Amino acid sequence: MERVFQITAVILIGVAAYFLWQNGMDGVFVAAVLGAVAFLLSIRFQVKERLKQRENETAEIDL
């Protein structure tokens, strides 16, 4: 799932760059914000997975 958001973020930043080149500032803003949100969601999924792994490791140690 995190890869999907990372790929989406890259595509949206590319779209923002295209709009910047075409001088469409509203499109730049929207695409850049959505790209940033997708990037932050990918980070959230990475952190969530690491926390899950850490909980599993501590559960194994407690046994």
PDB file of N, CA and C in Angstrom:
ATOM      1  N   MET A   1       0.816  -1.191   0.000  1.00  0.00           N
ATOM      2  CA  MET A   1       0.000   0.000   0.000  1.00  0.00           C
ATOM      3  C   MET A   1       0.865   1.263   0.000  1.00  0.00           C
ATOM      4  N   GLU A   2       1.987   1.175   0.692  1.00  0.00           N
ATOM      5  CA  GLU A   2       2.847   2.353   0.749  1.00  0.00           C
ATOM      6  C   GLU A   2       3.444   2.668  -0.625  1.00  0.00           C
ATOM      7  N   ARG A   3       3.718   1.631  -1.407  1.00  0.00           N
ATOM      8  CA  ARG A   3       4.254   1.859  -2.758  1.00  0.00           C
ATOM      9  C   ARG A   3       3.244   2.579  -3.646  1.00  0.00           C
ATOM     10  N   VAL A   4       1.971   2.250  -3.471  1.00  0.00           N
ATOM     11  CA  VAL A   4       0.929   2.912  -4.250  1.00  0.00           C
ATOM     12  C   VAL A   4       0.935   4.406  -3.961  1.00  0.00           C
ATOM     13  N   PHE A   5       1.022   4.765  -2.691  1.00  0.00           N
ATOM     14  CA  PHE A   5       1.036   6.180  -2.333  1.00  0.00           C
ATOM     15  C   PHE A   5       2.321   6.863  -2.790  1.00  0.00           C
ATOM     16  N   GLN A   6       3.445   6.164  -2.746  1.00  0.00           N
ATOM     17  CA  GLN A   6       4.697   6.750  -3.221  1.00  0.00           C
ATOM     18  C   GLN A   6       4.638   7.013  -4.724  1.00  0.00           C
ATOM     19  N   ILE A   7       4.122   6.056  -5.467  1.00  0.00           N
ATOM     20  CA  ILE A   7       3.997   6.230  -6.917  1.00  0.00           C
ATOM     21  C   ILE A   7       3.023   7.354  -7.231  1.00  0.00           C
ATOM     22  N   THR A   8       1.915   7.396  -6.491  1.00  0.00           N
ATOM     23  CA  THR A   8       0.938   8.467  -6.682  1.00  0.00           C
ATOM     24  C   THR A   8       1.556   9.826  -6.396  1.00  0.00           C
ATOM     25  N   ALA A   9       2.369   9.905  -5.346  1.00  0.00           N
ATOM     26  CA  ALA A   9       3.020  11.171  -4.998  1.00  0.00           C
ATOM     27  C   ALA A   9       3.952  11.628  -6.120  1.00  0.00           C
ATOM     28  N   VAL A  10       4.708  10.708  -6.683  1.00  0.00           N
ATOM     29  CA  VAL A  10       5.629  11.065  -7.766  1.00  0.00           C
ATOM     30  C   VAL A  10       4.852  11.535  -8.993  1.00  0.00           C
ATOM     31  N   ILE A  11       3.780  10.840  -9.318  1.00  0.00           N
ATOM     32  CA  ILE A  11       2.978  11.236 -10.474  1.00  0.00           C
ATOM     33  C   ILE A  11       2.365  12.619 -10.262  1.00  0.00           C
ATOM     34  N   LEU A  12       1.839  12.856  -9.055  1.00  0.00           N
ATOM     35  CA  LEU A  12       1.212  14.152  -8.790  1.00  0.00           C
ATOM     36  C   LEU A  12       2.223  15.293  -8.777  1.00  0.00           C
ATOM     37  N   ILE A  13       3.426  15.048  -8.311  1.00  0.00           N
ATOM     38  CA  ILE A  13       4.455  16.084  -8.368  1.00  0.00           C
ATOM     39  C   ILE A  13       4.852  16.346  -9.821  1.00  0.00           C
ATOM     40  N   GLY A  14       4.851  15.295 -10.634  1.00  0.00           N
ATOM     41  CA  GLY A  14       5.084  15.494 -12.067  1.00  0.00           C
ATOM     42  C   GLY A  14       3.983  16.316 -12.716  1.00  0.00           C
ATOM     43  N   VAL A  15       2.740  16.049 -12.317  1.00  0.00           N
ATOM     44  CA  VAL A  15       1.614  16.843 -12.815  1.00  0.00           C
ATOM     45  C   VAL A  15       1.748  18.293 -12.371  1.00  0.00           C
ATOM     46  N   ALA A  16       2.170  18.505 -11.129  1.00  0.00           N
ATOM     47  CA  ALA A  16       2.373  19.867 -10.635  1.00  0.00           C
ATOM     48  C   ALA A  16       3.460  20.576 -11.450  1.00  0.00           C
ATOM     49  N   ALA A  17       4.521  19.855 -11.773  1.00  0.00           N
ATOM     50  CA  ALA A  17       5.586  20.456 -12.585  1.00  0.00           C
ATOM     51  C   ALA A  17       5.064  20.815 -13.971  1.00  0.00           C
ATOM     52  N   TYR A  18       4.218  19.967 -14.536  1.00  0.00           N
ATOM     53  CA  TYR A  18       3.622  20.274 -15.843  1.00  0.00           C
ATOM     54  C   TYR A  18       2.774  21.537 -15.765  1.00  0.00           C
ATOM     55  N   PHE A  19       1.928  21.624 -14.726  1.00  0.00           N
ATOM     56  CA  PHE A  19       1.103  22.817 -14.580  1.00  0.00           C
ATOM     57  C   PHE A  19       1.955  24.066 -14.354  1.00  0.00           C
ATOM     58  N   LEU A  20       3.061  23.911 -13.646  1.00  0.00           N
ATOM     59  CA  LEU A  20       3.963  25.049 -13.441  1.00  0.00           C
ATOM     60  C   LEU A  20       4.539  25.508 -14.773  1.00  0.00           C
ATOM     61  N   TRP A  21       4.901  24.540 -15.603  1.00  0.00           N
ATOM     62  CA  TRP A  21       5.438  24.847 -16.923  1.00  0.00           C
ATOM     63  C   TRP A  21       4.388  25.539 -17.787  1.00  0.00           C
ATOM     64  N   GLN A  22       3.119  25.139 -17.646  1.00  0.00           N
ATOM     65  CA  GLN A  22       2.021  25.723 -18.416  1.00  0.00           C
ATOM     66  C   GLN A  22       1.479  27.001 -17.769  1.00  0.00           C
ATOM     67  N   ASN A  23       2.048  27.384 -16.628  1.00  0.00           N
ATOM     68  CA  ASN A  23       1.665  28.587 -15.894  1.00  0.00           C
ATOM     69  C   ASN A  23       0.234  28.500 -15.356  1.00  0.00           C
ATOM     70  N   GLY A  24      -0.157  27.313 -14.912  1.00  0.00           N
ATOM     71  CA  GLY A  24      -1.472  27.121 -14.300  1.00  0.00           C
ATOM     72  C   GLY A  24      -1.304  26.981 -12.796  1.00  0.00           C
ATOM     73  N   MET A  25      -1.283  28.071 -12.097  1.00  0.00           N
ATOM     74  CA  MET A  25      -0.946  28.075 -10.670  1.00  0.00           C
ATOM     75  C   MET A  25      -1.965  27.338  -9.805  1.00  0.00           C
ATOM     76  N   ASP A  26      -3.242  27.383 -10.176  1.00  0.00           N
ATOM     77  CA  ASP A  26      -4.231  26.631  -9.400  1.00  0.00           C
ATOM     78  C   ASP A  26      -3.964  25.130  -9.493  1.00  0.00           C
ATOM     79  N   GLY A  27      -3.644  24.673 -10.680  1.00  0.00           N
ATOM     80  CA  GLY A  27      -3.319  23.260 -10.879  1.00  0.00           C
ATOM     81  C   GLY A  27      -2.052  22.857 -10.146  1.00  0.00           C
ATOM     82  N   VAL A  28      -1.071  23.752 -10.118  1.00  0.00           N
ATOM     83  CA  VAL A  28       0.170  23.479  -9.383  1.00  0.00           C
ATOM     84  C   VAL A  28      -0.145  23.271  -7.908  1.00  0.00           C
ATOM     85  N   PHE A  29      -0.941  24.164  -7.357  1.00  0.00           N
ATOM     86  CA  PHE A  29      -1.259  24.083  -5.938  1.00  0.00           C
ATOM     87  C   PHE A  29      -1.999  22.787  -5.603  1.00  0.00           C
ATOM     88  N   VAL A  30      -3.025  22.475  -6.368  1.00  0.00           N
ATOM     89  CA  VAL A  30      -3.830  21.277  -6.096  1.00  0.00           C
ATOM     90  C   VAL A  30      -2.988  20.020  -6.239  1.00  0.00           C
ATOM     91  N   ALA A  31      -2.238  19.907  -7.323  1.00  0.00           N
ATOM     92  CA  ALA A  31      -1.434  18.715  -7.552  1.00  0.00           C
ATOM     93  C   ALA A  31      -0.330  18.576  -6.502  1.00  0.00           C
ATOM     94  N   ALA A  32       0.297  19.687  -6.126  1.00  0.00           N
ATOM     95  CA  ALA A  32       1.362  19.629  -5.123  1.00  0.00           C
ATOM     96  C   ALA A  32       0.815  19.229  -3.757  1.00  0.00           C
ATOM     97  N   VAL A  33      -0.344  19.762  -3.396  1.00  0.00           N
ATOM     98  CA  VAL A  33      -0.942  19.405  -2.103  1.00  0.00           C
ATOM     99  C   VAL A  33      -1.325  17.926  -2.092  1.00  0.00           C
ATOM    100  N   LEU A  34      -1.954  17.455  -3.150  1.00  0.00           N
ATOM    101  CA  LEU A  34      -2.328  16.041  -3.204  1.00  0.00           C
ATOM    102  C   LEU A  34      -1.094  15.140  -3.225  1.00  0.00           C
ATOM    103  N   GLY A  35      -0.038  15.575  -3.895  1.00  0.00           N
ATOM    104  CA  GLY A  35       1.214  14.816  -3.890  1.00  0.00           C
ATOM    105  C   GLY A  35       1.823  14.741  -2.506  1.00  0.00           C
ATOM    106  N   ALA A  36       1.785  15.859  -1.780  1.00  0.00           N
ATOM    107  CA  ALA A  36       2.312  15.875  -0.412  1.00  0.00           C
ATOM    108  C   ALA A  36       1.481  14.974   0.506  1.00  0.00           C
ATOM    109  N   VAL A  37       0.169  14.999   0.331  1.00  0.00           N
ATOM    110  CA  VAL A  37      -0.700  14.145   1.143  1.00  0.00           C
ATOM    111  C   VAL A  37      -0.415  12.667   0.853  1.00  0.00           C
ATOM    112  N   ALA A  38      -0.251  12.332  -0.413  1.00  0.00           N
ATOM    113  CA  ALA A  38       0.058  10.940  -0.770  1.00  0.00           C
ATOM    114  C   ALA A  38       1.397  10.519  -0.176  1.00  0.00           C
ATOM    115  N   PHE A  39       2.378  11.415  -0.209  1.00  0.00           N
ATOM    116  CA  PHE A  39       3.687  11.107   0.372  1.00  0.00           C
ATOM    117  C   PHE A  39       3.581  10.880   1.879  1.00  0.00           C
ATOM    118  N   LEU A  40       2.837  11.746   2.563  1.00  0.00           N
ATOM    119  CA  LEU A  40       2.686  11.590   4.007  1.00  0.00           C
ATOM    120  C   LEU A  40       1.900  10.334   4.364  1.00  0.00           C
ATOM    121  N   LEU A  41       0.940   9.958   3.539  1.00  0.00           N
ATOM    122  CA  LEU A  41       0.217   8.702   3.777  1.00  0.00           C
ATOM    123  C   LEU A  41       1.142   7.498   3.601  1.00  0.00           C
ATOM    124  N   SER A  42       2.066   7.568   2.643  1.00  0.00           N
ATOM    125  CA  SER A  42       3.013   6.464   2.480  1.00  0.00           C
ATOM    126  C   SER A  42       3.913   6.343   3.710  1.00  0.00           C
ATOM    127  N   ILE A  43       4.316   7.487   4.276  1.00  0.00           N
ATOM    128  CA  ILE A  43       5.122   7.464   5.492  1.00  0.00           C
ATOM    129  C   ILE A  43       4.318   6.882   6.649  1.00  0.00           C
ATOM    130  N   ARG A  44       3.037   7.244   6.735  1.00  0.00           N
ATOM    131  CA  ARG A  44       2.172   6.720   7.798  1.00  0.00           C
ATOM    132  C   ARG A  44       2.097   5.196   7.730  1.00  0.00           C
ATOM    133  N   PHE A  45       1.937   4.644   6.532  1.00  0.00           N
ATOM    134  CA  PHE A  45       1.865   3.194   6.399  1.00  0.00           C
ATOM    135  C   PHE A  45       3.195   2.536   6.769  1.00  0.00           C
ATOM    136  N   GLN A  46       4.313   3.182   6.453  1.00  0.00           N
ATOM    137  CA  GLN A  46       5.616   2.645   6.842  1.00  0.00           C
ATOM    138  C   GLN A  46       5.760   2.612   8.354  1.00  0.00           C
ATOM    139  N   VAL A  47       5.381   3.688   9.017  1.00  0.00           N
ATOM    140  CA  VAL A  47       5.487   3.758  10.473  1.00  0.00           C
ATOM    141  C   VAL A  47       4.567   2.734  11.122  1.00  0.00           C
ATOM    142  N   LYS A  48       3.362   2.601  10.593  1.00  0.00           N
ATOM    143  CA  LYS A  48       2.409   1.644  11.136  1.00  0.00           C
ATOM    144  C   LYS A  48       2.952   0.213  11.034  1.00  0.00           C
ATOM    145  N   GLU A  49       3.588  -0.105   9.924  1.00  0.00           N
ATOM    146  CA  GLU A  49       4.161  -1.438   9.748  1.00  0.00           C
ATOM    147  C   GLU A  49       5.331  -1.665  10.712  1.00  0.00           C
ATOM    148  N   ARG A  50       6.175  -0.657  10.892  1.00  0.00           N
ATOM    149  CA  ARG A  50       7.299  -0.792  11.828  1.00  0.00           C
ATOM    150  C   ARG A  50       6.815  -0.976  13.258  1.00  0.00           C
ATOM    151  N   LEU A  51       5.762  -0.255  13.640  1.00  0.00           N
ATOM    152  CA  LEU A  51       5.211  -0.417  14.988  1.00  0.00           C
ATOM    153  C   LEU A  51       4.636  -1.818  15.187  1.00  0.00           C
ATOM    154  N   LYS A  52       3.994  -2.337  14.149  1.00  0.00           N
ATOM    155  CA  LYS A  52       3.443  -3.679  14.231  1.00  0.00           C
ATOM    156  C   LYS A  52       4.561  -4.715  14.390  1.00  0.00           C
ATOM    157  N   GLN A  53       5.664  -4.527  13.652  1.00  0.00           N
ATOM    158  CA  GLN A  53       6.806  -5.435  13.783  1.00  0.00           C
ATOM    159  C   GLN A  53       7.418  -5.343  15.172  1.00  0.00           C
ATOM    160  N   ARG A  54       7.532  -4.143  15.702  1.00  0.00           N
ATOM    161  CA  ARG A  54       8.107  -3.955  17.033  1.00  0.00           C
ATOM    162  C   ARG A  54       7.229  -4.603  18.098  1.00  0.00           C
ATOM    163  N   GLU A  55       5.914  -4.478  17.972  1.00  0.00           N
ATOM    164  CA  GLU A  55       5.005  -5.119  18.921  1.00  0.00           C
ATOM    165  C   GLU A  55       5.128  -6.628  18.863  1.00  0.00           C
ATOM    166  N   ASN A  56       5.273  -7.178  17.657  1.00  0.00           N
ATOM    167  CA  ASN A  56       5.445  -8.624  17.525  1.00  0.00           C
ATOM    168  C   ASN A  56       6.753  -9.087  18.157  1.00  0.00           C
ATOM    169  N   GLU A  57       7.812  -8.293  17.985  1.00  0.00           N
ATOM    170  CA  GLU A  57       9.098  -8.654  18.581  1.00  0.00           C
ATOM    171  C   GLU A  57       9.028  -8.631  20.096  1.00  0.00           C
ATOM    172  N   THR A  58       8.376  -7.626  20.673  1.00  0.00           N
ATOM    173  CA  THR A  58       8.278  -7.563  22.119  1.00  0.00           C
ATOM    174  C   THR A  58       7.346  -8.642  22.656  1.00  0.00           C
ATOM    175  N   ALA A  59       6.347  -9.033  21.890  1.00  0.00           N
ATOM    176  CA  ALA A  59       5.461 -10.117  22.316  1.00  0.00           C
ATOM    177  C   ALA A  59       6.224 -11.442  22.340  1.00  0.00           C
ATOM    178  N   GLU A  60       7.132 -11.646  21.385  1.00  0.00           N
ATOM    179  CA  GLU A  60       7.936 -12.860  21.367  1.00  0.00           C
ATOM    180  C   GLU A  60       8.918 -12.898  22.538  1.00  0.00           C
ATOM    181  N   ILE A  61       9.466 -11.754  22.898  1.00  0.00           N
ATOM    182  CA  ILE A  61      10.407 -11.695  24.010  1.00  0.00           C
ATOM    183  C   ILE A  61       9.704 -11.982  25.328  1.00  0.00           C
ATOM    184  N   ASP A  62       8.474 -11.493  25.473  1.00  0.00           N
ATOM    185  CA  ASP A  62       7.724 -11.689  26.716  1.00  0.00           C
ATOM    186  C   ASP A  62       7.343 -13.154  26.929  1.00  0.00           C
ATOM    187  N   LEU A  63       7.269 -13.923  25.858  1.00  0.00           N
ATOM    188  CA  LEU A  63       6.909 -15.343  25.999  1.00  0.00           C
ATOM    189  C   LEU A  63       8.068 -16.076  26.567  1.00  0.00           C
TER     190      LEU A  63
END
